[in-house]
Amino acid sequence: MGAHPTPIDVQCFLVPKAGSSAEECEDATYVASSPDEHGVFAAVSDGASESLLSGAWARQLVRGAVVSMAAADDRRHDGENSRYESFVEDLLARTVGQWDGYIAEYQAERAARGRPITWYEQPGLDKGAFATLVAVHIRAASKVPEDPDAPRPWIWHAFALGDSCLFHLRKGRLVTSFPIADGDGFGITPQLLGSRNPDAALVSDRASTATGELRADDELLLATDALAAWLLSHPEIASGGSGKQLGKLAELGEETFAEWVQNERDKSRMRNDDVALIRMRVKTEG
């Protein structure tokens, strides 16, 4: 028999800014398998340091995005537009809709520690927190290949707001970069999702979606902006060099990956910012 795809291999990494602790990291990652184990949901978010509690907001966003994508998948026969609209509405209900509850708990916890919210922090709480988001759903294609021995392809559907990116790599070579296509696409004012913005129509208009097909051994990377900009600033990604390098680093483990990130920062090849990476690879077995 030919090779057949098995569940996606997943690795997650978080590296805080140099000089910051893991607890101070404002990036977030989250991954979950579909109930039938025939798919994976994943998301990364980059909290905007200029806003108060951006790390907490990023963590809420990645969890909310994964749960909302799973809920939208249950309605996959309703049509793409309907699924997208329901995903955005559900995401905002699970995140923006629950932010006031989180703030109430945060204020109570601060008061219990003898550190109540100060007058100069209150405007930040009132304004809300902000973050970017990229999320993806990978699932086995419903169409069975004509060749019974051929592996069934995998389909990915992604949502993005801001400059956190998805990269589809094949043998290390870049197939798709979403939503930013080159290193010039990173600015100082990316689109952000705010914890006080319940406007689903506005979020839908500002966000982007993409889809693609994965083959055996293909990889999807979800990365926040510092790492995404590093990848797109290296011309050798087109020939597979930097993509393969990143895959090898990921396989060596979290400590090695963090050391490499710091080395790139020390050489001024990567901006000193929090780094989040989710690496997903379609495995095969004989």
Protein backbone atom coordinates (compact mmCIF):
# COMPACT_ATOMS: atom_id res chain seq x y z
CA MET A 1 0.00 0.00 0.00
CA GLY A 2 1.10 3.61 -0.53
CA ALA A 3 1.82 6.15 2.15
CA HIS A 4 -1.14 7.62 4.02
CA PRO A 5 -1.25 10.82 6.03
CA THR A 6 -1.34 10.56 9.81
CA PRO A 7 -2.28 13.36 12.21
CA ILE A 8 -0.32 16.56 11.83
CA ASP A 9 2.94 16.87 13.77
CA VAL A 10 2.85 20.11 15.80
CA GLN A 11 5.49 22.12 17.68
CA CYS A 12 4.92 25.39 19.55
CA PHE A 13 7.51 27.95 20.66
CA LEU A 14 7.38 31.20 22.64
CA VAL A 15 10.48 33.34 23.16
CA PRO A 16 10.12 36.57 25.17
CA LYS A 17 11.99 39.77 24.41
CA ALA A 18 15.59 39.85 25.59
CA GLY A 19 15.51 41.01 29.20
CA SER A 20 11.91 39.88 29.76
CA SER A 21 10.62 36.80 31.56
CA ALA A 22 8.34 34.15 30.09
CA GLU A 23 5.49 35.59 32.17
CA GLU A 24 5.99 38.97 30.48
CA CYS A 25 5.69 37.54 26.96
CA GLU A 26 2.85 39.25 25.08
CA ASP A 27 2.67 36.71 22.25
CA ALA A 28 0.46 33.63 22.53
CA THR A 29 -0.07 30.26 20.82
CA TYR A 30 -2.83 27.68 21.00
CA VAL A 31 -3.46 24.37 19.20
CA ALA A 32 -6.25 21.80 19.39
CA SER A 33 -7.16 18.68 17.44
CA SER A 34 -10.63 18.24 15.97
CA PRO A 35 -12.83 15.75 17.85
CA ASP A 36 -12.44 13.15 15.09
CA GLU A 37 -8.63 13.71 15.06
CA HIS A 38 -8.82 14.38 11.32
CA GLY A 39 -7.89 18.04 11.66
CA VAL A 40 -5.97 20.63 13.62
CA PHE A 41 -6.87 24.17 14.70
CA ALA A 42 -4.06 26.58 15.57
CA ALA A 43 -3.58 30.29 16.23
CA VAL A 44 -0.88 32.79 17.19
CA SER A 45 -1.37 36.34 18.42
CA ASP A 46 0.94 39.27 19.09
CA GLY A 47 -0.23 41.59 21.84
CA ALA A 48 0.50 45.29 21.23
CA SER A 49 2.90 46.42 23.96
CA GLU A 50 1.42 49.91 23.91
CA SER A 51 -1.85 48.62 25.37
CA LEU A 52 -2.46 47.41 28.91
CA LEU A 53 -2.97 43.63 29.38
CA SER A 54 -2.12 42.89 25.76
CA GLY A 55 -0.59 39.53 26.67
CA ALA A 56 -3.76 38.43 28.40
CA TRP A 57 -5.79 39.61 25.42
CA ALA A 58 -3.54 37.68 23.00
CA ARG A 59 -4.06 34.52 25.07
CA GLN A 60 -7.82 35.00 24.99
CA LEU A 61 -7.75 35.58 21.23
CA VAL A 62 -5.86 32.40 20.32
CA ARG A 63 -8.16 30.24 22.43
CA GLY A 64 -11.24 32.02 21.15
CA ALA A 65 -10.09 31.68 17.53
CA VAL A 66 -9.48 27.94 17.85
CA VAL A 67 -12.85 27.29 19.50
CA SER A 68 -14.67 29.54 17.00
CA MET A 69 -12.99 27.84 14.02
CA ALA A 70 -14.14 24.48 15.35
CA ALA A 71 -17.68 25.81 15.71
CA ALA A 72 -17.58 27.21 12.16
CA ASP A 73 -16.36 23.82 10.88
CA ASP A 74 -19.52 22.25 12.26
CA ARG A 75 -21.37 24.55 9.86
CA ARG A 76 -19.15 23.80 6.85
CA HIS A 77 -22.16 23.03 4.62
CA ASP A 78 -23.65 26.51 5.14
CA GLY A 79 -21.39 28.12 2.53
CA GLU A 80 -18.07 29.95 2.84
CA ASN A 81 -19.51 33.43 3.40
CA SER A 82 -21.88 32.21 6.08
CA ARG A 83 -19.12 30.26 7.83
CA TYR A 84 -16.79 33.26 7.79
CA GLU A 85 -19.42 35.60 9.18
CA SER A 86 -20.37 33.14 11.90
CA PHE A 87 -16.70 32.61 12.78
CA VAL A 88 -16.08 36.34 13.27
CA GLU A 89 -19.28 36.80 15.28
CA ASP A 90 -18.48 33.79 17.44
CA LEU A 91 -14.86 34.94 17.94
CA LEU A 92 -15.96 38.37 19.16
CA ALA A 93 -18.58 36.84 21.44
CA ARG A 94 -15.94 34.60 23.06
CA THR A 95 -13.34 37.35 23.42
CA VAL A 96 -14.66 40.91 23.32
CA GLY A 97 -17.88 39.70 24.91
CA GLN A 98 -15.99 38.24 27.86
CA TRP A 99 -13.37 40.97 28.31
CA ASP A 100 -15.32 42.92 30.95
CA GLY A 101 -15.56 39.73 33.02
CA TYR A 102 -11.80 39.26 32.76
CA ILE A 103 -11.19 42.88 33.78
CA ALA A 104 -13.45 42.48 36.82
CA GLU A 105 -11.47 39.41 37.91
CA TYR A 106 -8.18 41.23 37.27
CA GLN A 107 -9.25 44.21 39.36
CA ALA A 108 -10.38 41.94 42.20
CA GLU A 109 -7.10 40.02 42.11
CA ARG A 110 -5.09 43.23 42.19
CA ALA A 111 -7.10 44.52 45.15
CA ALA A 112 -6.63 41.21 47.00
CA ARG A 113 -2.85 41.61 46.62
CA GLY A 114 -3.00 45.11 48.01
CA ARG A 115 -2.25 46.64 44.60
CA PRO A 116 -5.55 48.14 43.40
CA ILE A 117 -5.85 49.71 39.97
CA THR A 118 -4.31 53.18 40.00
CA TRP A 119 -5.82 56.32 38.51
CA TYR A 120 -3.24 56.35 35.71
CA GLU A 121 -3.96 52.71 34.76
CA GLN A 122 -7.71 53.20 34.49
CA PRO A 123 -7.66 54.95 31.07
CA GLY A 124 -5.71 52.00 29.67
CA LEU A 125 -8.29 49.55 31.00
CA ASP A 126 -11.09 51.67 29.56
CA LYS A 127 -9.40 51.84 26.13
CA GLY A 128 -8.85 48.09 25.98
CA ALA A 129 -6.09 45.80 24.75
CA PHE A 130 -4.99 45.19 21.15
CA ALA A 131 -3.35 42.33 19.27
CA THR A 132 -2.83 40.76 15.85
CA LEU A 133 -4.15 37.30 15.03
CA VAL A 134 -3.57 34.54 12.49
CA ALA A 135 -5.48 31.26 12.79
CA VAL A 136 -5.70 28.16 10.64
CA HIS A 137 -7.78 25.02 10.33
CA ILE A 138 -6.14 22.00 8.68
CA ARG A 139 -8.31 19.03 7.74
CA ALA A 140 -8.19 16.01 5.49
CA ALA A 141 -9.76 16.74 2.12
CA SER A 142 -13.21 15.27 1.66
CA LYS A 143 -12.39 14.25 -1.92
CA VAL A 144 -10.74 10.82 -2.11
CA PRO A 145 -7.84 10.58 -4.63
CA GLU A 146 -8.50 8.58 -7.78
CA ASP A 147 -5.49 6.42 -6.96
CA PRO A 148 -6.46 4.34 -3.89
CA ASP A 149 -2.80 4.11 -2.85
CA ALA A 150 -2.23 7.86 -3.01
CA PRO A 151 -2.34 9.85 0.21
CA ARG A 152 -5.38 12.00 0.75
CA PRO A 153 -4.44 15.70 0.58
CA TRP A 154 -4.99 18.10 3.45
CA ILE A 155 -6.75 21.46 3.11
CA TRP A 156 -5.98 24.56 5.15
CA HIS A 157 -8.20 27.60 5.71
CA ALA A 158 -6.71 30.66 7.42
CA PHE A 159 -7.87 33.96 8.93
CA ALA A 160 -5.57 36.90 9.62
CA LEU A 161 -5.78 40.41 11.02
CA GLY A 162 -2.51 42.31 11.30
CA ASP A 163 1.05 41.21 10.62
CA SER A 164 1.23 37.79 12.22
CA CYS A 165 1.72 35.43 9.27
CA LEU A 166 1.15 31.96 7.88
CA PHE A 167 3.82 30.34 5.70
CA HIS A 168 3.22 27.24 3.60
CA LEU A 169 6.52 25.48 2.87
CA ARG A 170 7.20 22.55 0.54
CA LYS A 171 10.68 21.06 0.89
CA GLY A 172 11.61 24.27 2.66
CA ARG A 173 10.52 26.42 -0.29
CA LEU A 174 7.87 29.08 0.16
CA VAL A 175 4.53 28.24 -1.48
CA THR A 176 2.34 30.83 0.26
CA SER A 177 2.94 33.78 2.56
CA PHE A 178 -0.26 35.16 4.13
CA PRO A 179 -1.34 37.91 4.69
CA ILE A 180 2.02 39.64 3.96
CA ALA A 181 3.91 38.65 0.83
CA ASP A 182 7.30 40.34 1.34
CA GLY A 183 9.47 42.05 3.92
CA ASP A 184 8.26 45.51 2.92
CA GLY A 185 4.79 44.69 4.22
CA PHE A 186 5.71 45.14 7.87
CA GLY A 187 4.97 48.62 9.20
CA ILE A 188 4.68 50.27 12.59
CA THR A 189 0.86 50.37 12.60
CA PRO A 190 -0.54 46.92 11.70
CA GLN A 191 -4.24 46.22 11.85
CA LEU A 192 -5.19 45.18 15.38
CA LEU A 193 -8.16 43.49 16.99
CA GLY A 194 -9.28 45.45 20.05
CA SER A 195 -10.88 44.03 23.18
CA ARG A 196 -13.49 46.82 23.06
CA ASN A 197 -14.49 46.32 19.42
CA PRO A 198 -17.69 44.25 19.04
CA ASP A 199 -18.24 45.32 15.40
CA ALA A 200 -18.18 42.02 13.47
CA ALA A 201 -18.70 43.75 10.12
CA LEU A 202 -15.69 46.02 10.68
CA VAL A 203 -13.46 43.12 11.74
CA SER A 204 -14.60 41.08 8.73
CA ASP A 205 -13.74 43.92 6.36
CA ARG A 206 -10.26 44.45 7.84
CA ALA A 207 -9.33 40.77 8.06
CA SER A 208 -8.18 38.45 5.28
CA THR A 209 -8.74 34.78 4.50
CA ALA A 210 -6.78 32.25 2.44
CA THR A 211 -6.83 28.57 1.63
CA GLY A 212 -4.45 25.97 0.22
CA GLU A 213 -3.67 22.28 -0.15
CA LEU A 214 -0.97 20.38 1.73
CA ARG A 215 0.95 17.33 0.54
CA ALA A 216 2.95 14.84 2.55
CA ASP A 217 5.84 16.51 4.39
CA ASP A 218 4.54 20.03 3.67
CA GLU A 219 4.76 22.47 6.56
CA LEU A 220 2.64 25.34 7.79
CA LEU A 221 4.25 27.94 10.03
CA LEU A 222 2.31 30.49 12.08
CA ALA A 223 4.63 33.26 13.23
CA THR A 224 4.38 36.65 14.88
CA ASP A 225 5.91 39.64 13.14
CA ALA A 226 9.55 39.56 14.26
CA LEU A 227 10.07 36.00 13.00
CA ALA A 228 7.81 36.50 9.99
CA ALA A 229 9.84 39.53 8.92
CA TRP A 230 13.06 37.53 9.37
CA LEU A 231 11.77 34.81 7.04
CA LEU A 232 10.62 37.22 4.36
CA SER A 233 13.82 39.24 4.51
CA HIS A 234 15.87 36.19 3.49
CA PRO A 235 15.85 35.66 -0.30
CA GLU A 236 16.94 32.07 0.23
CA ILE A 237 13.46 31.16 1.48
CA ALA A 238 12.49 30.94 -2.20
CA SER A 239 15.06 28.18 -2.67
CA GLY A 240 14.26 26.48 0.61
CA GLY A 241 17.31 27.51 2.64
CA SER A 242 15.81 29.53 5.47
CA GLY A 243 12.67 27.37 5.59
CA LYS A 244 14.72 24.20 6.06
CA GLN A 245 16.89 25.96 8.65
CA LEU A 246 13.85 26.89 10.69
CA GLY A 247 12.49 23.35 10.50
CA LYS A 248 15.77 21.86 11.71
CA LEU A 249 15.91 24.37 14.58
CA ALA A 250 12.37 23.51 15.62
CA GLU A 251 13.20 19.80 15.66
CA LEU A 252 16.15 20.44 18.00
CA GLY A 253 13.80 21.74 20.67
CA GLU A 254 12.71 24.85 22.52
CA GLU A 255 16.05 25.69 24.12
CA THR A 256 17.97 25.53 20.85
CA PHE A 257 15.30 27.58 19.08
CA ALA A 258 15.44 30.27 21.79
CA GLU A 259 19.25 30.41 21.56
CA TRP A 260 19.04 30.85 17.79
CA VAL A 261 16.48 33.68 18.17
CA GLN A 262 18.77 35.47 20.61
CA ASN A 263 21.76 35.00 18.29
CA GLU A 264 19.81 36.58 15.41
CA ARG A 265 18.89 39.49 17.69
CA ASP A 266 22.51 39.93 18.78
CA LYS A 267 23.54 40.15 15.13
CA SER A 268 20.73 42.70 14.43
CA ARG A 269 19.11 40.30 11.98
CA MET A 270 15.91 40.02 14.02
CA ARG A 271 14.10 42.72 15.94
CA ASN A 272 14.11 42.32 19.73
CA ASP A 273 10.45 41.43 20.16
CA ASP A 274 8.49 38.51 21.52
CA VAL A 275 8.50 35.55 19.12
CA ALA A 276 5.75 32.98 18.67
CA LEU A 277 5.94 30.04 16.27
CA ILE A 278 3.66 27.09 15.58
CA ARG A 279 5.14 24.56 13.15
CA MET A 280 2.81 21.93 11.64
CA ARG A 281 3.96 19.20 9.30
CA VAL A 282 2.01 16.54 7.42
CA LYS A 283 3.57 13.23 8.36
CA THR A 284 3.44 9.99 6.35
CA GLU A 285 3.88 6.35 7.22
CA GLY A 286 4.41 3.36 4.98
